Amino acid sequence: MPMSWTREWSGLVKLTNKSIPSMEISYQLLFNIIEGQKLDGAFAWRINPDGRTTQRTRSFVHGLDFTHTVSPSTFYTINLRQNYYRYTDWLYDDFYDPRYDQFQQGSASLNADYYYGAIVKGADLSRYLQKTDTYLAKAAVTSQITREHQIKIGGEVQLSKMDFGAPGWLVLRQVQNQSVLVRVIDDPPDHPGEKAYDPISAAAYVHDLIEWNDLTIRAGVRVEYFDGRSTMPADLANPANVIPGAPTGTRNTTKKFSTAPRLGISYPITARSSIFFSYGHFYQLPNLGDMYRNADYSRLQLLQAGATDYGVLGNPDVKPERTVQYEFGYKNAVTDFLGITANLFYKDIRDLLGVEFVNTYTGAQYSRLSNIDFGNVTGFTLSIDQRRMGIVSTTIDYTWQMAQGNSSDPQETANLAQAGLDAKPKSVPFNWDQRHTLNMTIQLSEPENYSISAILRFASGQPYTPSIGLGLTGQVERNSGIKPNGFLVDMRAEKYFAIAGWNMSLFARVFNLFNARYFNGSVFANTGSPDYSLNPYTDRAALADPTRYYAPRRFEIGISMNSSL
């Protein structure tokens, strides 16, 4: 039976009314329903597949768009949206499903000596629910106030209701020397229930497009606001307010304001070429799921020095991550059919989400998310665009970049400290740094008849941390090794025709045409290769796991139909 599978339904409905002069009203609904099981960890369950959880996602986005053209030079838009998202991860939908009780002999149990380390009995008894219901309102007005100035002013407000956590815990306990499955609902600190949060965010912006002689300037500023509308311990050294004699109480999360100026300039230096420059501040909130997940500090009421690890706690009071970006470029139309672009870029990234360690008054320690990480990206891109000549068109672009910082993901610092390694911040390559990237597309097409295209991708190896050989001491520099290079080719062919007023096409897609086995995936730390290990017995389970390789060649065929009523 397949260890990783997906069933998905998705669709789009859109209704538009233009019957009122100078106005357009439209309603749009998008839905996506997915049910499946993840590839991660699937290999360990290969002889006990019925014990795995199933992931289900339900998402619906719908709303109204209204556009009113007031005059030939002015129009405004209003958008109202509701975004609903529900994700569950459990074995059975019903918490009281009697089939759970068949696993009373134990939860998932791995036997390292059987079949390269397989889970031989039990089930994954974990249950997780994440639900988000968001209401979003946007409005903007655009006006060509003079011949040189086009002004756009707008704003948006977003209200969300979010639920995270376990809707009930399945716990195995010893009762009269027998393992009994017990159902627990909201029993903190070890088995907390779902937590609800309702953050609010808003933004306002003004943008001016200036066209003066040959000079084009885009200038603007955006102001953003976020309120997590949650509470935090007043004193982090007494997180659960239970330490005798220590300060107690809670405080509300602070309101966050961010101002993001942006500037872009373009100037033609010849009839066929121009230079451009851009500068901007960009703010992005960390994933709300990361902020709020495991963010109930009352769980730490039993925390003692060297006691149970409660994991990395969330933090609804983190600041937005900030990126300052600079870009300088040159464009040139070599011929009527061939153009080249070169641009240099630099990004300074601050307030990235990381992990900090907090000591309590009792000598215990816990970890929580905080804005302590940093990084930067430097690079350049060269691109060539050949417009269609006859039936052939091509594009090619090459990017060189160097991305480095002190932590590739928020959990990295905590993982290093837990392993007893040096967790002090230092600038090293990010694990997603890709020094060389080359993309190329080739298309053969005849409008309204056929299209055949190929996408070629080359990527140099991303960093990894090598392991130290037997007998050596010390810690290898993080991400000092480089994985093998990767090369992929995807193809698509499409044939167009019309039947009874319907525009139709038959298409075929081939992903990973040459069946490449590797493309910046996992490697063995002692060899830097995905194929072999210096410790074949220790790594025998990983060597037997085919999911460590890139997905094999995949074919898709289909039909597309559309008609304007």
Protein backbone atom coordinates (compact mmCIF):
# COMPACT_ATOMS: atom_id res chain seq x y z
CA MET A 1 0.00 0.00 0.00
CA PRO A 2 1.25 3.55 -0.63
CA MET A 3 3.01 5.08 2.39
CA SER A 4 2.53 8.61 1.11
CA TRP A 5 -0.63 9.61 -0.73
CA THR A 6 -2.86 12.60 -1.37
CA ARG A 7 -6.45 13.11 -2.47
CA GLU A 8 -7.25 16.69 -3.35
CA TRP A 9 -10.25 18.64 -4.58
CA SER A 10 -9.91 22.29 -5.54
CA GLY A 11 -12.04 24.74 -7.43
CA LEU A 12 -12.80 28.34 -8.31
CA VAL A 13 -16.10 30.12 -8.83
CA LYS A 14 -16.20 33.73 -10.01
CA LEU A 15 -19.19 35.92 -10.86
CA THR A 16 -18.71 39.39 -12.37
CA ASN A 17 -21.28 42.12 -13.01
CA LYS A 18 -20.40 45.09 -15.28
CA SER A 19 -23.95 46.17 -16.04
CA ILE A 20 -23.68 49.36 -13.96
CA PRO A 21 -21.77 52.06 -15.85
CA SER A 22 -18.26 52.77 -14.47
CA MET A 23 -18.64 50.01 -11.85
CA GLU A 24 -17.57 46.40 -11.60
CA ILE A 25 -18.69 44.01 -8.86
CA SER A 26 -17.39 40.48 -8.58
CA TYR A 27 -17.64 37.58 -6.16
CA GLN A 28 -15.00 34.87 -6.00
CA LEU A 29 -14.80 31.57 -4.13
CA LEU A 30 -11.77 29.30 -3.95
CA PHE A 31 -11.77 26.03 -2.06
CA ASN A 32 -9.17 23.36 -1.43
CA ILE A 33 -9.76 20.03 0.31
CA ILE A 34 -6.79 17.75 0.90
CA GLU A 35 -6.50 14.41 2.65
CA GLY A 36 -3.32 12.40 2.79
CA GLN A 37 -0.31 11.12 4.70
CA LYS A 38 3.09 12.76 4.77
CA LEU A 39 6.21 11.28 3.26
CA ASP A 40 8.30 12.33 6.27
CA GLY A 41 8.83 9.37 8.57
CA ALA A 42 6.72 7.06 6.41
CA PHE A 43 9.47 4.51 5.92
CA ALA A 44 9.56 3.65 9.63
CA TRP A 45 5.85 2.65 9.45
CA ARG A 46 6.22 0.38 6.44
CA ILE A 47 5.10 -2.81 8.26
CA ASN A 48 2.56 -1.04 10.48
CA PRO A 49 0.86 1.47 8.15
CA ASP A 50 -2.51 1.38 9.95
CA GLY A 51 -0.98 3.12 12.96
CA ARG A 52 -0.12 6.36 11.12
CA THR A 53 -2.08 9.59 11.46
CA THR A 54 -3.80 11.21 8.48
CA GLN A 55 -3.55 14.92 7.69
CA ARG A 56 -6.65 16.75 6.48
CA THR A 57 -6.87 20.33 5.29
CA ARG A 58 -9.99 22.37 4.51
CA SER A 59 -9.56 25.90 3.20
CA PHE A 60 -12.08 28.32 1.75
CA VAL A 61 -11.45 31.85 0.55
CA HIS A 62 -14.32 33.98 -0.68
CA GLY A 63 -15.23 37.62 -0.93
CA LEU A 64 -16.41 40.65 -2.90
CA ASP A 65 -14.39 43.01 -5.10
CA PHE A 66 -15.78 46.41 -6.03
CA THR A 67 -14.20 48.83 -8.51
CA HIS A 68 -15.61 52.29 -9.27
CA THR A 69 -14.14 54.51 -11.97
CA VAL A 70 -14.97 58.03 -10.79
CA SER A 71 -13.36 59.83 -13.73
CA PRO A 72 -10.89 59.08 -16.53
CA SER A 73 -8.06 59.76 -14.07
CA THR A 74 -9.42 58.35 -10.79
CA PHE A 75 -10.79 55.03 -9.54
CA TYR A 76 -11.03 53.21 -6.23
CA THR A 77 -11.35 49.58 -5.14
CA ILE A 78 -12.85 47.86 -2.11
CA ASN A 79 -12.15 44.22 -1.26
CA LEU A 80 -13.81 42.13 1.45
CA ARG A 81 -12.55 38.62 2.18
CA GLN A 82 -13.02 35.69 4.52
CA ASN A 83 -10.23 33.10 4.71
CA TYR A 84 -11.07 29.89 6.55
CA TYR A 85 -8.45 27.21 7.19
CA ARG A 86 -8.73 23.99 9.21
CA TYR A 87 -5.93 21.44 9.60
CA THR A 88 -6.13 18.21 11.59
CA ASP A 89 -3.57 15.51 12.21
CA TRP A 90 -4.84 12.35 13.94
CA LEU A 91 -5.61 8.70 13.39
CA TYR A 92 -9.41 8.75 13.83
CA ASP A 93 -11.77 11.73 13.70
CA ASP A 94 -13.74 10.68 16.78
CA PHE A 95 -11.79 11.13 20.01
CA TYR A 96 -13.83 8.29 21.52
CA ASP A 97 -13.46 5.96 18.54
CA PRO A 98 -13.26 2.44 20.03
CA ARG A 99 -10.58 1.51 17.52
CA TYR A 100 -8.13 3.58 19.56
CA ASP A 101 -8.49 1.04 22.37
CA GLN A 102 -6.98 -1.75 20.28
CA PHE A 103 -3.62 -0.05 20.88
CA GLN A 104 -3.73 -0.39 24.66
CA GLN A 105 -0.65 -2.60 24.53
CA GLY A 106 1.42 0.47 23.75
CA SER A 107 1.89 3.47 21.58
CA ALA A 108 4.17 3.39 18.55
CA SER A 109 7.15 1.17 19.33
CA LEU A 110 10.29 1.00 17.18
CA ASN A 111 12.43 -2.14 17.10
CA ALA A 112 15.94 -1.15 16.04
CA ASP A 113 16.93 -4.77 15.34
CA TYR A 114 13.98 -5.67 13.12
CA TYR A 115 13.84 -4.84 9.41
CA TYR A 116 16.34 -1.94 9.60
CA GLY A 117 14.54 -0.35 12.53
CA ALA A 118 10.79 -0.49 11.90
CA ILE A 119 7.80 0.45 14.04
CA VAL A 120 6.44 -3.00 14.78
CA LYS A 121 3.37 -2.28 16.92
CA GLY A 122 1.13 0.40 18.36
CA ALA A 123 -0.03 3.63 16.82
CA ASP A 124 0.63 7.33 16.74
CA LEU A 125 -1.79 8.54 19.42
CA SER A 126 -1.07 12.24 18.93
CA ARG A 127 -3.91 14.59 18.01
CA TYR A 128 -3.49 18.12 16.69
CA LEU A 129 -5.90 20.79 15.44
CA GLN A 130 -5.20 24.20 13.92
CA LYS A 131 -8.07 26.41 12.83
CA THR A 132 -7.95 29.97 11.50
CA ASP A 133 -10.86 32.19 10.54
CA THR A 134 -9.74 35.52 9.11
CA TYR A 135 -11.73 38.54 7.92
CA LEU A 136 -9.89 41.00 5.69
CA ALA A 137 -10.95 44.41 4.35
CA LYS A 138 -8.91 46.43 1.84
CA ALA A 139 -9.51 49.77 0.13
CA ALA A 140 -7.40 51.86 -2.24
CA VAL A 141 -7.82 54.92 -4.43
CA THR A 142 -5.65 55.67 -7.46
CA SER A 143 -5.58 59.04 -9.21
CA GLN A 144 -3.49 60.63 -11.96
CA ILE A 145 -3.53 64.01 -10.22
CA THR A 146 -1.16 65.66 -12.71
CA ARG A 147 0.61 64.63 -15.86
CA GLU A 148 3.70 63.69 -13.81
CA HIS A 149 2.15 62.25 -10.64
CA GLN A 150 -0.03 59.19 -10.10
CA ILE A 151 -0.95 58.80 -6.43
CA LYS A 152 -2.23 55.64 -4.78
CA ILE A 153 -3.46 55.61 -1.18
CA GLY A 154 -4.80 52.56 0.57
CA GLY A 155 -5.16 50.53 3.70
CA GLU A 156 -6.26 47.17 5.08
CA VAL A 157 -7.48 45.62 8.32
CA GLN A 158 -7.28 41.93 9.23
CA LEU A 159 -9.07 40.22 12.13
CA SER A 160 -8.29 36.60 12.90
CA LYS A 161 -9.55 33.93 15.27
CA MET A 162 -7.06 31.12 15.74
CA ASP A 163 -7.26 27.81 17.62
CA PHE A 164 -4.22 25.63 18.29
CA GLY A 165 -3.61 22.52 20.28
CA ALA A 166 -4.69 19.01 21.08
CA PRO A 167 -8.46 18.41 21.18
CA GLY A 168 -8.01 15.69 23.74
CA TRP A 169 -5.02 13.54 24.72
CA LEU A 170 -4.73 9.76 24.50
CA VAL A 171 -2.46 8.73 27.34
CA LEU A 172 -1.22 5.26 28.29
CA ARG A 173 -1.13 4.80 32.07
CA GLN A 174 -0.34 1.89 34.33
CA VAL A 175 -3.41 0.72 36.27
CA GLN A 176 -2.90 -2.39 38.40
CA ASN A 177 0.20 -3.30 36.40
CA GLN A 178 -1.68 -3.04 33.13
CA SER A 179 -1.30 -0.46 30.38
CA VAL A 180 -4.65 1.33 30.01
CA LEU A 181 -5.56 3.96 27.42
CA VAL A 182 -6.96 7.04 29.19
CA ARG A 183 -8.65 9.97 27.47
CA VAL A 184 -7.68 13.37 28.90
CA ILE A 185 -9.24 16.70 27.95
CA ASP A 186 -7.57 19.96 29.03
CA ASP A 187 -5.57 18.82 32.04
CA PRO A 188 -2.66 21.27 32.34
CA PRO A 189 0.24 21.52 32.64
CA ASP A 190 1.15 18.28 30.88
CA HIS A 191 -2.02 17.88 28.81
CA PRO A 192 -3.34 21.35 27.96
CA GLY A 193 -6.40 21.81 25.75
CA GLU A 194 -6.88 23.99 22.71
CA LYS A 195 -5.96 27.64 23.03
CA ALA A 196 -7.76 30.44 21.19
CA TYR A 197 -6.19 33.70 20.03
CA ASP A 198 -7.56 36.69 18.10
CA PRO A 199 -4.75 38.89 16.74
CA ILE A 200 -5.42 42.02 14.72
CA SER A 201 -3.26 43.64 12.05
CA ALA A 202 -3.63 46.72 9.88
CA ALA A 203 -1.65 48.70 7.34
CA ALA A 204 -1.83 52.00 5.46
CA TYR A 205 0.29 53.16 2.56
CA VAL A 206 0.81 55.98 0.05
CA HIS A 207 2.58 55.55 -3.27
CA ASP A 208 3.59 58.12 -5.89
CA LEU A 209 4.54 57.20 -9.45
CA ILE A 210 6.48 60.13 -10.92
CA GLU A 211 7.16 60.26 -14.67
CA TRP A 212 9.20 63.37 -15.47
CA ASN A 213 10.75 63.53 -18.93
CA ASP A 214 12.67 60.23 -19.17
CA LEU A 215 12.99 59.72 -15.43
CA THR A 216 10.63 57.36 -13.60
CA ILE A 217 10.46 57.40 -9.79
CA ARG A 218 8.37 55.19 -7.57
CA ALA A 219 8.29 56.41 -3.98
CA GLY A 220 6.12 55.41 -1.09
CA VAL A 221 5.81 54.49 2.53
CA ARG A 222 3.85 51.76 4.30
CA VAL A 223 2.91 51.77 7.98
CA GLU A 224 1.99 48.44 9.57
CA TYR A 225 0.36 47.61 12.90
CA PHE A 226 0.03 44.32 14.75
CA ASP A 227 -1.46 43.42 18.12
CA GLY A 228 -1.18 39.81 19.25
CA ARG A 229 -3.95 40.44 21.83
CA SER A 230 -2.55 37.86 24.20
CA THR A 231 -0.83 37.81 27.59
CA MET A 232 2.68 37.00 28.74
CA PRO A 233 4.28 36.44 32.17
CA ALA A 234 5.15 39.75 33.80
CA ASP A 235 8.47 38.25 34.89
CA LEU A 236 9.94 35.62 32.57
CA ALA A 237 11.98 34.21 35.46
CA ASN A 238 8.66 33.22 37.07
CA PRO A 239 6.82 32.07 33.93
CA ALA A 240 3.92 30.24 35.62
CA ASN A 241 3.63 32.65 38.59
CA VAL A 242 4.11 29.82 41.12
CA ILE A 243 7.59 30.53 42.56
CA PRO A 244 7.18 31.73 46.18
CA GLY A 245 8.49 35.25 46.84
CA ALA A 246 9.05 36.02 43.15
CA PRO A 247 7.22 38.79 41.26
CA THR A 248 3.93 37.55 39.82
CA GLY A 249 1.36 38.72 37.31
CA THR A 250 0.78 38.90 33.59
CA ARG A 251 1.03 41.63 31.01
CA ASN A 252 -0.56 42.21 27.63
CA THR A 253 1.48 41.79 24.48
CA THR A 254 2.78 45.08 23.11
CA LYS A 255 1.38 46.75 20.01
CA LYS A 256 3.85 46.74 17.10
CA PHE A 257 4.23 49.63 14.63
CA SER A 258 6.53 49.45 11.60
CA THR A 259 7.33 52.12 9.02
CA ALA A 260 8.60 50.89 5.67
CA PRO A 261 9.87 53.51 3.16
CA ARG A 262 10.45 52.37 -0.43
CA LEU A 263 12.08 54.05 -3.42
CA GLY A 264 12.65 52.98 -7.02
CA ILE A 265 14.31 54.95 -9.83
CA SER A 266 14.60 54.09 -13.53
CA TYR A 267 16.44 56.20 -16.10
CA PRO A 268 17.11 55.48 -19.82
CA ILE A 269 20.73 56.11 -20.79
CA THR A 270 20.27 55.28 -24.50
CA ALA A 271 17.33 54.53 -26.78
CA ARG A 272 17.69 50.83 -25.98
CA SER A 273 19.06 50.69 -22.44
CA SER A 274 18.31 51.96 -18.94
CA ILE A 275 19.57 51.71 -15.39
CA PHE A 276 17.44 51.26 -12.29
CA PHE A 277 17.85 51.37 -8.52
CA SER A 278 15.57 50.39 -5.67
CA TYR A 279 15.70 50.62 -1.89
CA GLY A 280 13.11 49.45 0.56
CA HIS A 281 12.25 48.28 4.05
CA PHE A 282 10.09 45.18 4.27
CA TYR A 283 8.49 43.74 7.39
CA GLN A 284 7.04 40.28 7.73
CA LEU A 285 5.40 38.74 10.74
CA PRO A 286 6.66 35.27 11.62
CA ASN A 287 4.24 32.47 10.93
CA LEU A 288 1.33 32.92 13.35
CA GLY A 289 1.36 29.19 13.99
CA ASP A 290 4.95 29.44 15.27
CA MET A 291 4.09 32.45 17.43
CA TYR A 292 1.09 30.93 19.19
CA ARG A 293 1.88 27.22 19.23
CA ASN A 294 2.87 26.06 22.73
CA ALA A 295 2.50 29.64 24.02
CA ASP A 296 0.76 28.83 27.35
CA TYR A 297 3.46 29.57 29.95
CA SER A 298 1.32 28.17 32.76
CA ARG A 299 2.52 24.76 31.53
CA LEU A 300 5.79 25.49 33.33
CA GLN A 301 4.29 25.38 36.82
CA LEU A 302 6.08 22.08 37.51
CA LEU A 303 9.35 23.09 35.84
CA GLN A 304 12.39 22.14 37.88
CA ALA A 305 16.11 22.22 37.19
CA GLY A 306 16.93 19.29 34.90
CA ALA A 307 13.25 18.26 34.77
CA THR A 308 10.94 17.49 31.85
CA ASP A 309 11.59 19.35 28.62
CA TYR A 310 8.51 21.35 27.63
CA GLY A 311 9.89 22.13 24.18
CA VAL A 312 10.40 25.58 22.70
CA LEU A 313 7.58 27.84 23.88
CA GLY A 314 5.82 30.15 21.46
CA ASN A 315 5.85 33.91 21.87
CA PRO A 316 2.90 36.06 20.73
CA ASP A 317 4.98 39.16 21.57
CA VAL A 318 7.67 38.80 18.89
CA LYS A 319 8.37 41.66 16.51
CA PRO A 320 8.05 41.49 12.71
CA GLU A 321 11.14 40.31 10.88
CA ARG A 322 12.79 43.23 9.05
CA THR A 323 14.60 43.20 5.70
CA VAL A 324 16.36 46.22 4.17
CA GLN A 325 16.91 45.58 0.47
CA TYR A 326 19.11 47.37 -2.08
CA GLU A 327 19.11 46.65 -5.81
CA PHE A 328 20.94 48.20 -8.75
CA GLY A 329 20.45 47.03 -12.33
CA TYR A 330 20.94 47.56 -16.04
CA LYS A 331 18.61 46.64 -18.93
CA ASN A 332 19.45 46.60 -22.63
CA ALA A 333 17.45 45.66 -25.72
CA VAL A 334 20.20 44.18 -27.89
CA THR A 335 17.80 43.66 -30.81
CA ASP A 336 14.05 43.84 -31.29
CA PHE A 337 13.90 40.19 -30.15
CA LEU A 338 16.69 39.92 -27.58
CA GLY A 339 17.05 41.66 -24.22
CA ILE A 340 19.48 41.33 -21.33
CA THR A 341 19.19 42.38 -17.68
CA ALA A 342 21.83 42.49 -14.97
CA ASN A 343 21.18 43.41 -11.37
CA LEU A 344 23.06 43.43 -8.07
CA PHE A 345 21.22 42.97 -4.78
CA TYR A 346 21.89 43.04 -1.07
CA LYS A 347 19.50 42.18 1.77
CA ASP A 348 20.12 42.89 5.43
CA ILE A 349 17.81 40.70 7.51
CA ARG A 350 17.19 41.44 11.20
CA ASP A 351 14.90 40.24 13.98
CA LEU A 352 14.66 36.73 12.54
CA LEU A 353 12.88 34.26 14.74
CA GLY A 354 15.27 32.28 16.94
CA VAL A 355 15.43 30.62 20.35
CA GLU A 356 16.50 32.22 23.61
CA PHE A 357 17.06 30.45 26.94
CA VAL A 358 15.52 31.89 30.12
CA ASN A 359 16.66 31.01 33.66
CA THR A 360 14.05 30.93 36.40
CA TYR A 361 14.46 31.89 40.07
CA THR A 362 14.65 28.20 40.95
CA GLY A 363 17.64 27.50 38.70
CA ALA A 364 15.56 25.83 36.00
CA GLN A 365 15.79 26.80 32.36
CA TYR A 366 13.34 26.89 29.46
CA SER A 367 13.53 28.04 25.85
CA ARG A 368 11.19 30.30 23.91
CA LEU A 369 11.01 31.99 20.52
CA SER A 370 12.44 35.51 20.26
CA ASN A 371 13.79 37.98 17.68
CA ILE A 372 17.48 37.19 18.13
CA ASP A 373 18.65 35.87 14.76
CA PHE A 374 20.10 37.82 11.84
CA GLY A 375 21.45 37.32 8.33
CA ASN A 376 22.26 38.88 4.97
CA VAL A 377 22.08 37.94 1.29
CA THR A 378 24.44 39.28 -1.39
CA GLY A 379 24.36 38.41 -5.06
CA PHE A 380 23.68 39.24 -8.67
CA THR A 381 21.43 37.96 -11.48
CA LEU A 382 22.06 37.90 -15.23
CA SER A 383 19.14 37.14 -17.52
CA ILE A 384 18.54 36.90 -21.28
CA ASP A 385 15.07 37.01 -22.81
CA GLN A 386 14.61 36.02 -26.46
CA ARG A 387 11.13 36.84 -27.70
CA ARG A 388 9.41 34.46 -30.10
CA MET A 389 11.10 34.26 -33.50
CA GLY A 390 9.14 31.94 -35.73
CA ILE A 391 8.05 29.26 -33.30
CA VAL A 392 10.99 29.51 -30.85
CA SER A 393 11.32 31.59 -27.69
CA THR A 394 13.80 31.18 -24.83
CA THR A 395 14.76 32.66 -21.49
CA ILE A 396 17.82 32.02 -19.37
CA ASP A 397 18.89 33.45 -16.03
CA TYR A 398 21.84 32.85 -13.74
CA THR A 399 22.02 33.89 -10.08
CA TRP A 400 25.03 33.91 -7.81
CA GLN A 401 24.29 34.56 -4.17
CA MET A 402 25.78 34.21 -0.71
CA ALA A 403 23.26 33.91 2.12
CA GLN A 404 24.57 33.70 5.66
CA GLY A 405 23.47 34.36 9.21
CA ASN A 406 23.58 32.88 12.67
CA SER A 407 20.73 30.37 12.38
CA SER A 408 18.95 28.68 9.48
CA ASP A 409 15.73 28.02 11.41
CA PRO A 410 14.31 29.04 14.81
CA GLN A 411 14.98 25.64 16.40
CA GLU A 412 18.66 25.40 15.44
CA THR A 413 20.05 27.15 18.52
CA ALA A 414 17.97 24.99 20.86
CA ASN A 415 19.05 21.82 19.04
CA LEU A 416 22.73 22.76 19.34
CA ALA A 417 22.41 23.51 23.05
CA GLN A 418 20.52 20.27 23.67
CA ALA A 419 23.31 18.34 21.94
CA GLY A 420 25.92 20.04 24.12
CA LEU A 421 27.44 21.94 21.18
CA ASP A 422 28.46 25.57 20.88
CA ALA A 423 25.25 27.58 20.42
CA LYS A 424 26.82 31.08 20.48
CA PRO A 425 25.68 33.23 17.52
CA LYS A 426 28.10 33.32 14.61
CA SER A 427 27.68 34.07 10.92
CA VAL A 428 27.70 30.88 8.82
CA PRO A 429 26.03 29.97 5.49
CA PHE A 430 22.29 29.32 5.78
CA ASN A 431 21.34 25.72 5.00
CA TRP A 432 19.19 27.08 2.14
CA ASP A 433 22.08 29.06 0.62
CA GLN A 434 22.48 28.13 -3.04
CA ARG A 435 25.59 29.71 -4.52
CA HIS A 436 24.82 29.02 -8.20
CA THR A 437 21.37 28.78 -9.80
CA LEU A 438 20.67 28.48 -13.53
CA ASN A 439 17.17 28.38 -15.03
CA MET A 440 16.33 28.03 -18.70
CA THR A 441 13.08 27.71 -20.63
CA ILE A 442 12.68 26.72 -24.28
CA GLN A 443 9.31 26.97 -25.98
CA LEU A 444 8.09 25.93 -29.41
CA SER A 445 4.64 27.35 -30.06
CA GLU A 446 2.12 28.48 -32.59
CA PRO A 447 -0.65 30.67 -31.16
CA GLU A 448 -4.04 28.95 -30.86
CA ASN A 449 -2.53 25.73 -32.21
CA TYR A 450 0.09 24.09 -29.97
CA SER A 451 2.80 24.72 -27.39
CA ILE A 452 5.76 22.57 -26.30
CA SER A 453 8.03 23.83 -23.54
CA ALA A 454 10.88 22.59 -21.36
CA ILE A 455 12.19 24.02 -18.09
CA LEU A 456 15.79 23.24 -17.17
CA ARG A 457 17.08 23.90 -13.65
CA PHE A 458 20.62 23.61 -12.35
CA ALA A 459 21.40 24.20 -8.68
CA SER A 460 24.71 24.01 -6.90
CA GLY A 461 24.78 22.07 -3.65
CA GLN A 462 23.46 23.65 -0.49
CA PRO A 463 25.48 23.58 2.76
CA TYR A 464 25.40 20.81 5.36
CA THR A 465 27.35 20.17 8.56
CA PRO A 466 29.86 17.29 8.21
CA SER A 467 30.28 14.88 11.07
CA ILE A 468 33.58 14.33 12.83
CA GLY A 469 35.41 11.08 12.17
CA LEU A 470 36.16 8.55 14.86
CA GLY A 471 38.90 9.67 17.26
CA LEU A 472 38.60 13.39 16.48
CA THR A 473 37.39 15.95 18.98
CA GLY A 474 35.86 19.37 18.72
CA GLN A 475 32.94 20.73 16.72
CA VAL A 476 32.96 21.09 12.94
CA GLU A 477 31.94 24.51 11.69
CA ARG A 478 28.22 24.52 10.95
CA ASN A 479 27.27 24.25 7.27
CA SER A 480 30.91 23.98 6.20
CA GLY A 481 30.23 21.12 3.76
CA ILE A 482 28.59 21.39 0.33
CA LYS A 483 26.10 18.87 -1.05
CA PRO A 484 26.29 17.57 -4.66
CA ASN A 485 24.94 19.66 -7.55
CA GLY A 486 21.51 18.96 -9.01
CA PHE A 487 19.92 19.15 -12.46
CA LEU A 488 16.24 18.76 -13.38
CA VAL A 489 14.18 18.99 -16.57
CA ASP A 490 10.38 19.35 -16.72
CA MET A 491 8.34 19.36 -19.94
CA ARG A 492 4.82 20.34 -20.99
CA ALA A 493 2.98 19.90 -24.29
CA GLU A 494 -0.44 21.35 -25.08
CA LYS A 495 -2.74 21.22 -28.10
CA TYR A 496 -5.53 23.82 -28.47
CA PHE A 497 -8.84 23.44 -30.28
CA ALA A 498 -12.46 24.62 -30.08
CA ILE A 499 -15.66 22.56 -29.93
CA ALA A 500 -19.19 24.02 -29.83
CA GLY A 501 -18.06 27.39 -28.49
CA TRP A 502 -15.72 25.89 -25.87
CA ASN A 503 -12.00 26.65 -25.93
CA MET A 504 -10.29 23.38 -25.07
CA SER A 505 -6.83 21.94 -24.77
CA LEU A 506 -5.25 18.57 -24.20
CA PHE A 507 -2.06 18.71 -22.19
CA ALA A 508 0.66 16.39 -20.96
CA ARG A 509 3.28 17.17 -18.32
CA VAL A 510 6.43 15.30 -17.40
CA PHE A 511 8.20 16.17 -14.18
CA ASN A 512 11.83 15.12 -13.70
CA LEU A 513 12.11 13.98 -17.31
CA PHE A 514 15.50 12.29 -16.90
CA ASN A 515 14.57 10.71 -13.57
CA ALA A 516 17.25 12.53 -11.56
CA ARG A 517 17.74 10.87 -8.19
CA TYR A 518 19.05 13.86 -6.26
CA PHE A 519 18.32 17.59 -6.04
CA ASN A 520 19.51 19.29 -2.83
CA GLY A 521 17.99 16.71 -0.53
CA SER A 522 19.48 14.87 2.44
CA VAL A 523 23.02 13.50 2.51
CA PHE A 524 24.96 11.42 5.01
CA ALA A 525 26.97 13.78 7.18
CA ASN A 526 30.04 11.51 7.17
CA THR A 527 30.32 11.40 3.36
CA GLY A 528 28.38 14.31 1.90
CA SER A 529 26.69 11.82 -0.45
CA PRO A 530 23.06 10.65 -0.57
CA ASP A 531 24.17 7.20 -1.72
CA TYR A 532 26.58 5.81 0.86
CA SER A 533 27.70 6.14 4.46
CA LEU A 534 30.95 5.36 6.29
CA ASN A 535 28.81 3.71 8.96
CA PRO A 536 26.57 1.39 6.92
CA TYR A 537 25.38 -0.61 9.92
CA THR A 538 24.43 2.43 12.01
CA ASP A 539 22.79 4.09 9.00
CA ARG A 540 21.21 0.93 7.59
CA ALA A 541 17.66 2.24 8.05
CA ALA A 542 18.45 5.47 6.19
CA LEU A 543 20.26 3.55 3.44
CA ALA A 544 17.19 1.36 2.95
CA ASP A 545 14.82 4.35 2.90
CA PRO A 546 14.03 5.34 -0.72
CA THR A 547 12.34 8.58 0.33
CA ARG A 548 15.74 10.24 0.88
CA TYR A 549 15.95 10.68 -2.90
CA TYR A 550 14.20 13.21 -5.12
CA ALA A 551 10.76 12.22 -6.41
CA PRO A 552 11.05 10.02 -9.55
CA ARG A 553 9.72 10.82 -13.00
CA ARG A 554 6.00 11.65 -12.98
CA PHE A 555 3.53 11.93 -15.89
CA GLU A 556 0.30 13.95 -15.89
CA ILE A 557 -2.28 14.20 -18.65
CA GLY A 558 -5.43 16.27 -18.65
CA ILE A 559 -7.96 18.40 -20.44
CA SER A 560 -8.84 22.06 -19.94
CA MET A 561 -12.10 23.74 -20.97
CA ASN A 562 -13.35 27.33 -20.71
CA SER A 563 -16.10 29.38 -22.21
CA SER A 564 -17.25 32.97 -21.92
CA LEU A 565 -21.03 33.03 -21.43
